[in-house]
PDB file of N, CA and C in Angstrom:
ATOM      1  N   MET A   1       0.914  -1.240  -0.056  1.00  0.00           N
ATOM      2  CA  MET A   1       0.105  -0.396  -0.098  1.00  0.00           C
ATOM      3  C   MET A   1       0.956   1.388  -0.335  1.00  0.00           C
ATOM      4  N   THR A   2       0.405   2.330  -0.908  1.00  0.00           N
ATOM      5  CA  THR A   2       1.031   3.157  -0.914  1.00  0.00           C
ATOM      6  C   THR A   2       0.460   4.466   0.210  1.00  0.00           C
ATOM      7  N   THR A   3       2.046   5.476   0.504  1.00  0.00           N
ATOM      8  CA  THR A   3       1.904   6.235   1.569  1.00  0.00           C
ATOM      9  C   THR A   3       0.841   7.555   0.526  1.00  0.00           C
ATOM     10  N   PRO A   4       0.242   8.847   1.197  1.00  0.00           N
ATOM     11  CA  PRO A   4      -0.501   9.704   0.880  1.00  0.00           C
ATOM     12  C   PRO A   4       1.076  10.394   0.151  1.00  0.00           C
ATOM     13  N   VAL A   5       0.901  11.568  -0.785  1.00  0.00           N
ATOM     14  CA  VAL A   5       1.795  11.991  -1.092  1.00  0.00           C
ATOM     15  C   VAL A   5       1.736  13.091   0.239  1.00  0.00           C
ATOM     16  N   LEU A   6       0.965  13.724   0.751  1.00  0.00           N
ATOM     17  CA  LEU A   6       1.540  14.582   1.444  1.00  0.00           C
ATOM     18  C   LEU A   6       1.977  14.221   2.630  1.00  0.00           C
ATOM     19  N   GLN A   7       2.405  12.836   2.878  1.00  0.00           N
ATOM     20  CA  GLN A   7       2.671  12.376   4.605  1.00  0.00           C
ATOM     21  C   GLN A   7       3.550  11.569   3.795  1.00  0.00           C
ATOM     22  N   ARG A   8       4.488  11.679   3.222  1.00  0.00           N
ATOM     23  CA  ARG A   8       5.507  11.153   2.732  1.00  0.00           C
ATOM     24  C   ARG A   8       6.762  11.992   3.055  1.00  0.00           C
ATOM     25  N   LYS A   9       8.184  11.431   3.944  1.00  0.00           N
ATOM     26  CA  LYS A   9       8.937  11.754   4.363  1.00  0.00           C
ATOM     27  C   LYS A   9      11.051  11.791   3.673  1.00  0.00           C
ATOM     28  N   GLY A  10      10.529  11.005   2.750  1.00  0.00           N
ATOM     29  CA  GLY A  10      11.588  11.684   2.249  1.00  0.00           C
ATOM     30  C   GLY A  10      12.309  13.358   1.729  1.00  0.00           C
ATOM     31  N   SER A  11      13.550  13.107   1.971  1.00  0.00           N
ATOM     32  CA  SER A  11      14.345  14.939   1.713  1.00  0.00           C
ATOM     33  C   SER A  11      14.471  14.473   0.490  1.00  0.00           C
ATOM     34  N   PHE A  12      14.908  15.544   0.582  1.00  0.00           N
ATOM     35  CA  PHE A  12      15.292  16.948  -0.665  1.00  0.00           C
ATOM     36  C   PHE A  12      16.639  16.642  -1.030  1.00  0.00           C
ATOM     37  N   ILE A  13      16.878  16.000  -0.392  1.00  0.00           N
ATOM     38  CA  ILE A  13      19.121  15.359  -1.247  1.00  0.00           C
ATOM     39  C   ILE A  13      18.413  14.232  -1.735  1.00  0.00           C
ATOM     40  N   ARG A  14      17.521  13.143  -0.264  1.00  0.00           N
ATOM     41  CA  ARG A  14      17.654  12.407  -0.956  1.00  0.00           C
ATOM     42  C   ARG A  14      16.805  11.890  -2.146  1.00  0.00           C
ATOM     43  N   THR A  15      16.012  12.839  -2.461  1.00  0.00           N
ATOM     44  CA  THR A  15      15.385  12.755  -3.899  1.00  0.00           C
ATOM     45  C   THR A  15      16.265  13.238  -5.037  1.00  0.00           C
ATOM     46  N   MET A  16      17.205  14.015  -4.671  1.00  0.00           N
ATOM     47  CA  MET A  16      18.439  14.292  -6.227  1.00  0.00           C
ATOM     48  C   MET A  16      19.244  12.906  -5.762  1.00  0.00           C
ATOM     49  N   LYS A  17      19.754  12.614  -5.061  1.00  0.00           N
ATOM     50  CA  LYS A  17      20.249  11.530  -4.879  1.00  0.00           C
ATOM     51  C   LYS A  17      20.344  10.052  -6.198  1.00  0.00           C
ATOM     52  N   ALA A  18      18.413   9.836  -5.606  1.00  0.00           N
ATOM     53  CA  ALA A  18      17.791   8.794  -6.207  1.00  0.00           C
ATOM     54  C   ALA A  18      17.883   9.411  -7.720  1.00  0.00           C
ATOM     55  N   VAL A  19      16.972  10.764  -8.307  1.00  0.00           N
ATOM     56  CA  VAL A  19      16.852  11.022  -9.408  1.00  0.00           C
ATOM     57  C   VAL A  19      18.982  10.906 -10.028  1.00  0.00           C
ATOM     58  N   GLY A  20      19.843  11.121  -9.638  1.00  0.00           N
ATOM     59  CA  GLY A  20      20.791  11.182  -9.989  1.00  0.00           C
ATOM     60  C   GLY A  20      21.376   9.974 -10.394  1.00  0.00           C
ATOM     61  N   TRP A  21      21.155   8.964  -9.380  1.00  0.00           N
ATOM     62  CA  TRP A  21      20.899   7.574  -9.844  1.00  0.00           C
ATOM     63  C   TRP A  21      20.350   7.387 -10.887  1.00  0.00           C
ATOM     64  N   SER A  22      19.326   7.845 -11.099  1.00  0.00           N
ATOM     65  CA  SER A  22      18.269   7.323 -12.174  1.00  0.00           C
ATOM     66  C   SER A  22      19.109   7.847 -13.097  1.00  0.00           C
ATOM     67  N   PHE A  23      19.277   8.705 -13.355  1.00  0.00           N
ATOM     68  CA  PHE A  23      20.073   9.063 -14.678  1.00  0.00           C
ATOM     69  C   PHE A  23      21.491   8.271 -15.601  1.00  0.00           C
ATOM     70  N   PHE A  24      21.479   7.560 -14.443  1.00  0.00           N
ATOM     71  CA  PHE A  24      22.777   6.544 -15.339  1.00  0.00           C
ATOM     72  C   PHE A  24      22.313   5.538 -15.315  1.00  0.00           C
ATOM     73  N   GLY A  25      20.693   5.316 -15.040  1.00  0.00           N
ATOM     74  CA  GLY A  25      20.203   4.072 -14.685  1.00  0.00           C
ATOM     75  C   GLY A  25      20.640   2.873 -13.998  1.00  0.00           C
ATOM     76  N   VAL A  26      21.563   3.110 -12.934  1.00  0.00           N
ATOM     77  CA  VAL A  26      22.198   1.867 -12.382  1.00  0.00           C
ATOM     78  C   VAL A  26      20.753   2.170 -10.670  1.00  0.00           C
ATOM     79  N   ARG A  27      20.325   1.875 -10.606  1.00  0.00           N
ATOM     80  CA  ARG A  27      19.806   1.951  -9.380  1.00  0.00           C
ATOM     81  C   ARG A  27      18.657   0.185  -8.799  1.00  0.00           C
ATOM     82  N   LYS A  28      18.999  -0.382  -7.154  1.00  0.00           N
ATOM     83  CA  LYS A  28      19.013  -1.529  -6.879  1.00  0.00           C
ATOM     84  C   LYS A  28      17.021  -2.079  -7.059  1.00  0.00           C
ATOM     85  N   GLY A  29      16.586  -2.503  -7.060  1.00  0.00           N
ATOM     86  CA  GLY A  29      15.260  -2.768  -6.526  1.00  0.00           C
ATOM     87  C   GLY A  29      15.191  -2.587  -5.677  1.00  0.00           C
ATOM     88  N   SER A  30      15.621  -2.517  -4.116  1.00  0.00           N
ATOM     89  CA  SER A  30      15.350  -2.833  -3.209  1.00  0.00           C
ATOM     90  C   SER A  30      15.442  -1.265  -2.572  1.00  0.00           C
ATOM     91  N   ASP A  31      16.258  -0.472  -3.376  1.00  0.00           N
ATOM     92  CA  ASP A  31      16.307   1.008  -3.536  1.00  0.00           C
ATOM     93  C   ASP A  31      15.139   1.784  -3.859  1.00  0.00           C
ATOM     94  N   TYR A  32      14.539   0.970  -5.234  1.00  0.00           N
ATOM     95  CA  TYR A  32      13.371   1.903  -6.259  1.00  0.00           C
ATOM     96  C   TYR A  32      12.416   1.832  -4.994  1.00  0.00           C
ATOM     97  N   GLU A  33      12.167   0.486  -4.216  1.00  0.00           N
ATOM     98  CA  GLU A  33      10.521   0.255  -3.749  1.00  0.00           C
ATOM     99  C   GLU A  33      10.385   1.580  -2.320  1.00  0.00           C
ATOM    100  N   LYS A  34      11.677   1.471  -1.810  1.00  0.00           N
ATOM    101  CA  LYS A  34      12.596   2.667  -0.774  1.00  0.00           C
ATOM    102  C   LYS A  34      11.640   3.644  -1.549  1.00  0.00           C
ATOM    103  N   ASP A  35      12.069   4.354  -2.569  1.00  0.00           N
ATOM    104  CA  ASP A  35      11.652   5.814  -3.196  1.00  0.00           C
ATOM    105  C   ASP A  35      10.629   5.761  -3.838  1.00  0.00           C
ATOM    106  N   VAL A  36       9.387   4.543  -4.051  1.00  0.00           N
ATOM    107  CA  VAL A  36       8.354   4.796  -4.222  1.00  0.00           C
ATOM    108  C   VAL A  36       7.487   5.064  -3.379  1.00  0.00           C
ATOM    109  N   ASN A  37       8.141   3.968  -2.208  1.00  0.00           N
ATOM    110  CA  ASN A  37       7.175   4.449  -0.971  1.00  0.00           C
ATOM    111  C   ASN A  37       7.538   5.826  -0.167  1.00  0.00           C
ATOM    112  N   GLN A  38       7.997   6.626  -0.270  1.00  0.00           N
ATOM    113  CA  GLN A  38       9.203   7.854   1.060  1.00  0.00           C
ATOM    114  C   GLN A  38       9.278   8.924   0.051  1.00  0.00           C
ATOM    115  N   LEU A  39       9.405   9.281  -1.074  1.00  0.00           N
ATOM    116  CA  LEU A  39       9.351  10.062  -2.165  1.00  0.00           C
ATOM    117  C   LEU A  39       8.674  11.202  -2.691  1.00  0.00           C
ATOM    118  N   ASN A  40       7.988  12.200  -2.187  1.00  0.00           N
ATOM    119  CA  ASN A  40       7.398  13.333  -2.408  1.00  0.00           C
ATOM    120  C   ASN A  40       7.473  13.201  -4.589  1.00  0.00           C
ATOM    121  N   PRO A  41       6.307  13.206  -5.205  1.00  0.00           N
ATOM    122  CA  PRO A  41       6.528  13.076  -6.211  1.00  0.00           C
ATOM    123  C   PRO A  41       6.827  14.305  -6.806  1.00  0.00           C
ATOM    124  N   VAL A  42       6.293  15.467  -5.809  1.00  0.00           N
ATOM    125  CA  VAL A  42       6.486  16.485  -6.784  1.00  0.00           C
ATOM    126  C   VAL A  42       8.358  17.547  -6.123  1.00  0.00           C
ATOM    127  N   HIS A  43       9.055  16.804  -5.418  1.00  0.00           N
ATOM    128  CA  HIS A  43      10.338  16.800  -4.935  1.00  0.00           C
ATOM    129  C   HIS A  43      10.894  15.604  -6.493  1.00  0.00           C
ATOM    130  N   VAL A  44      10.882  15.033  -6.846  1.00  0.00           N
ATOM    131  CA  VAL A  44      11.197  14.061  -8.049  1.00  0.00           C
ATOM    132  C   VAL A  44      11.023  14.990  -9.071  1.00  0.00           C
ATOM    133  N   VAL A  45       9.895  15.138  -9.084  1.00  0.00           N
ATOM    134  CA  VAL A  45       9.608  16.693 -10.855  1.00  0.00           C
ATOM    135  C   VAL A  45      11.078  17.274 -10.312  1.00  0.00           C
ATOM    136  N   ILE A  46      10.451  17.989  -9.531  1.00  0.00           N
ATOM    137  CA  ILE A  46      11.598  19.728  -9.224  1.00  0.00           C
ATOM    138  C   ILE A  46      13.178  18.818  -9.500  1.00  0.00           C
ATOM    139  N   ALA A  47      13.618  18.002  -8.963  1.00  0.00           N
ATOM    140  CA  ALA A  47      14.738  17.070  -8.618  1.00  0.00           C
ATOM    141  C   ALA A  47      15.149  16.928 -10.211  1.00  0.00           C
ATOM    142  N   ALA A  48      14.641  16.673 -11.102  1.00  0.00           N
ATOM    143  CA  ALA A  48      14.696  16.141 -12.255  1.00  0.00           C
ATOM    144  C   ALA A  48      14.662  17.075 -13.232  1.00  0.00           C
ATOM    145  N   VAL A  49      14.308  18.379 -13.519  1.00  0.00           N
ATOM    146  CA  VAL A  49      14.300  19.559 -13.737  1.00  0.00           C
ATOM    147  C   VAL A  49      16.387  20.245 -13.413  1.00  0.00           C
ATOM    148  N   ILE A  50      15.843  20.163 -12.020  1.00  0.00           N
ATOM    149  CA  ILE A  50      17.387  20.882 -11.955  1.00  0.00           C
ATOM    150  C   ILE A  50      18.433  20.120 -12.613  1.00  0.00           C
ATOM    151  N   GLY A  51      18.286  18.521 -12.518  1.00  0.00           N
ATOM    152  CA  GLY A  51      19.660  17.746 -12.774  1.00  0.00           C
ATOM    153  C   GLY A  51      19.143  17.855 -14.835  1.00  0.00           C
ATOM    154  N   VAL A  52      17.979  18.169 -15.523  1.00  0.00           N
ATOM    155  CA  VAL A  52      18.124  17.891 -16.585  1.00  0.00           C
ATOM    156  C   VAL A  52      18.949  19.623 -17.184  1.00  0.00           C
ATOM    157  N   THR A  53      18.998  20.812 -16.046  1.00  0.00           N
ATOM    158  CA  THR A  53      19.330  21.725 -16.572  1.00  0.00           C
ATOM    159  C   THR A  53      20.488  21.772 -16.068  1.00  0.00           C
ATOM    160  N   LEU A  54      21.425  21.304 -15.529  1.00  0.00           N
ATOM    161  CA  LEU A  54      22.695  20.587 -14.956  1.00  0.00           C
ATOM    162  C   LEU A  54      23.147  20.466 -16.297  1.00  0.00           C
ATOM    163  N   PHE A  55      22.896  19.062 -16.486  1.00  0.00           N
ATOM    164  CA  PHE A  55      23.543  17.935 -17.341  1.00  0.00           C
ATOM    165  C   PHE A  55      23.089  19.399 -18.713  1.00  0.00           C
ATOM    166  N   ILE A  56      22.250  19.774 -19.545  1.00  0.00           N
ATOM    167  CA  ILE A  56      22.004  20.284 -20.465  1.00  0.00           C
ATOM    168  C   ILE A  56      23.011  21.711 -20.465  1.00  0.00           C
ATOM    169  N   GLY A  57      23.707  22.011 -18.761  1.00  0.00           N
ATOM    170  CA  GLY A  57      24.694  23.520 -19.080  1.00  0.00           C
ATOM    171  C   GLY A  57      25.647  22.876 -19.269  1.00  0.00           C
ATOM    172  N   PHE A  58      26.471  21.802 -18.979  1.00  0.00           N
ATOM    173  CA  PHE A  58      27.604  20.904 -18.733  1.00  0.00           C
ATOM    174  C   PHE A  58      27.909  20.918 -20.329  1.00  0.00           C
ATOM    175  N   LEU A  59      26.724  20.011 -20.763  1.00  0.00           N
ATOM    176  CA  LEU A  59      27.475  19.359 -22.300  1.00  0.00           C
ATOM    177  C   LEU A  59      27.241  21.132 -23.161  1.00  0.00           C
ATOM    178  N   LEU A  60      26.389  22.173 -23.160  1.00  0.00           N
ATOM    179  CA  LEU A  60      27.235  23.486 -23.470  1.00  0.00           C
ATOM    180  C   LEU A  60      28.231  24.019 -23.193  1.00  0.00           C
ATOM    181  N   LEU A  61      28.728  24.455 -22.194  1.00  0.00           N
ATOM    182  CA  LEU A  61      29.832  24.281 -21.174  1.00  0.00           C
ATOM    183  C   LEU A  61      31.397  23.729 -22.535  1.00  0.00           C
ATOM    184  N   LEU A  62      31.036  22.497 -22.305  1.00  0.00           N
ATOM    185  CA  LEU A  62      31.998  20.963 -22.913  1.00  0.00           C
ATOM    186  C   LEU A  62      32.564  21.875 -24.158  1.00  0.00           C
ATOM    187  N   VAL A  63      31.242  21.919 -25.000  1.00  0.00           N
ATOM    188  CA  VAL A  63      30.151  22.697 -26.519  1.00  0.00           C
ATOM    189  C   VAL A  63      32.055  23.214 -26.899  1.00  0.00           C
ATOM    190  N   ASN A  64      31.372  24.507 -26.239  1.00  0.00           N
ATOM    191  CA  ASN A  64      32.311  26.022 -25.919  1.00  0.00           C
ATOM    192  C   ASN A  64      33.449  25.333 -26.224  1.00  0.00           C
ATOM    193  N   TRP A  65      33.981  24.948 -25.019  1.00  0.00           N
ATOM    194  CA  TRP A  65      35.344  24.031 -24.592  1.00  0.00           C
ATOM    195  C   TRP A  65      36.130  24.013 -26.280  1.00  0.00           C
ATOM    196  N   VAL A  66      35.230  22.924 -26.479  1.00  0.00           N
ATOM    197  CA  VAL A  66      35.944  22.132 -27.568  1.00  0.00           C
ATOM    198  C   VAL A  66      36.121  22.715 -28.694  1.00  0.00           C
ATOM    199  N   LEU A  67      35.238  24.083 -29.188  1.00  0.00           N
ATOM    200  CA  LEU A  67      34.988  24.730 -30.264  1.00  0.00           C
ATOM    201  C   LEU A  67      36.728  25.947 -30.076  1.00  0.00           C
ATOM    202  N   ALA A  68      36.628  26.356 -28.989  1.00  0.00           N
ATOM    203  CA  ALA A  68      37.250  27.409 -28.334  1.00  0.00           C
ATOM    204  C   ALA A  68      38.714  26.841 -28.722  1.00  0.00           C
ATOM    205  N   SER A  69      38.672  25.413 -28.272  1.00  0.00           N
ATOM    206  CA  SER A  69      40.327  24.544 -28.742  1.00  0.00           C
ATOM    207  C   SER A  69      40.588  24.870 -30.114  1.00  0.00           C
ATOM    208  N   GLY A  70      39.585  24.766 -30.789  1.00  0.00           N
ATOM    209  CA  GLY A  70      40.016  24.308 -31.853  1.00  0.00           C
ATOM    210  C   GLY A  70      39.960  23.238 -33.059  1.00  0.00           C
ATOM    211  N   ALA A  71      39.708  22.103 -31.476  1.00  0.00           N
ATOM    212  CA  ALA A  71      39.698  20.472 -31.736  1.00  0.00           C
ATOM    213  C   ALA A  71      38.362  20.330 -32.647  1.00  0.00           C
ATOM    214  N   ALA A  72      37.676  20.770 -32.927  1.00  0.00           N
ATOM    215  CA  ALA A  72      36.569  20.539 -34.105  1.00  0.00           C
ATOM    216  C   ALA A  72      37.177  20.735 -35.327  1.00  0.00           C
ATOM    217  N   LYS A  73      38.130  21.516 -36.149  1.00  0.00           N
ATOM    218  CA  LYS A  73      38.365  22.477 -37.142  1.00  0.00           C
ATOM    219  C   LYS A  73      38.391  20.810 -38.014  1.00  0.00           C
TER     220      LYS A  73
END
């Protein structure tokens, strides 16, 4: 049985870790079950948006660095 969303006690830091590991696709089944029962879905959405933003920012910095170094000629 799942816990109502408002009563879930997962911290935002735990949510960020869970979303970070899910980006790599390496998550234990037991950890996944804990996450489903404890993490707040609103926190998951916010953490995912932050993670995607950081990932895109990293890619933009990497592309700009490669282009500036002249290695892409």
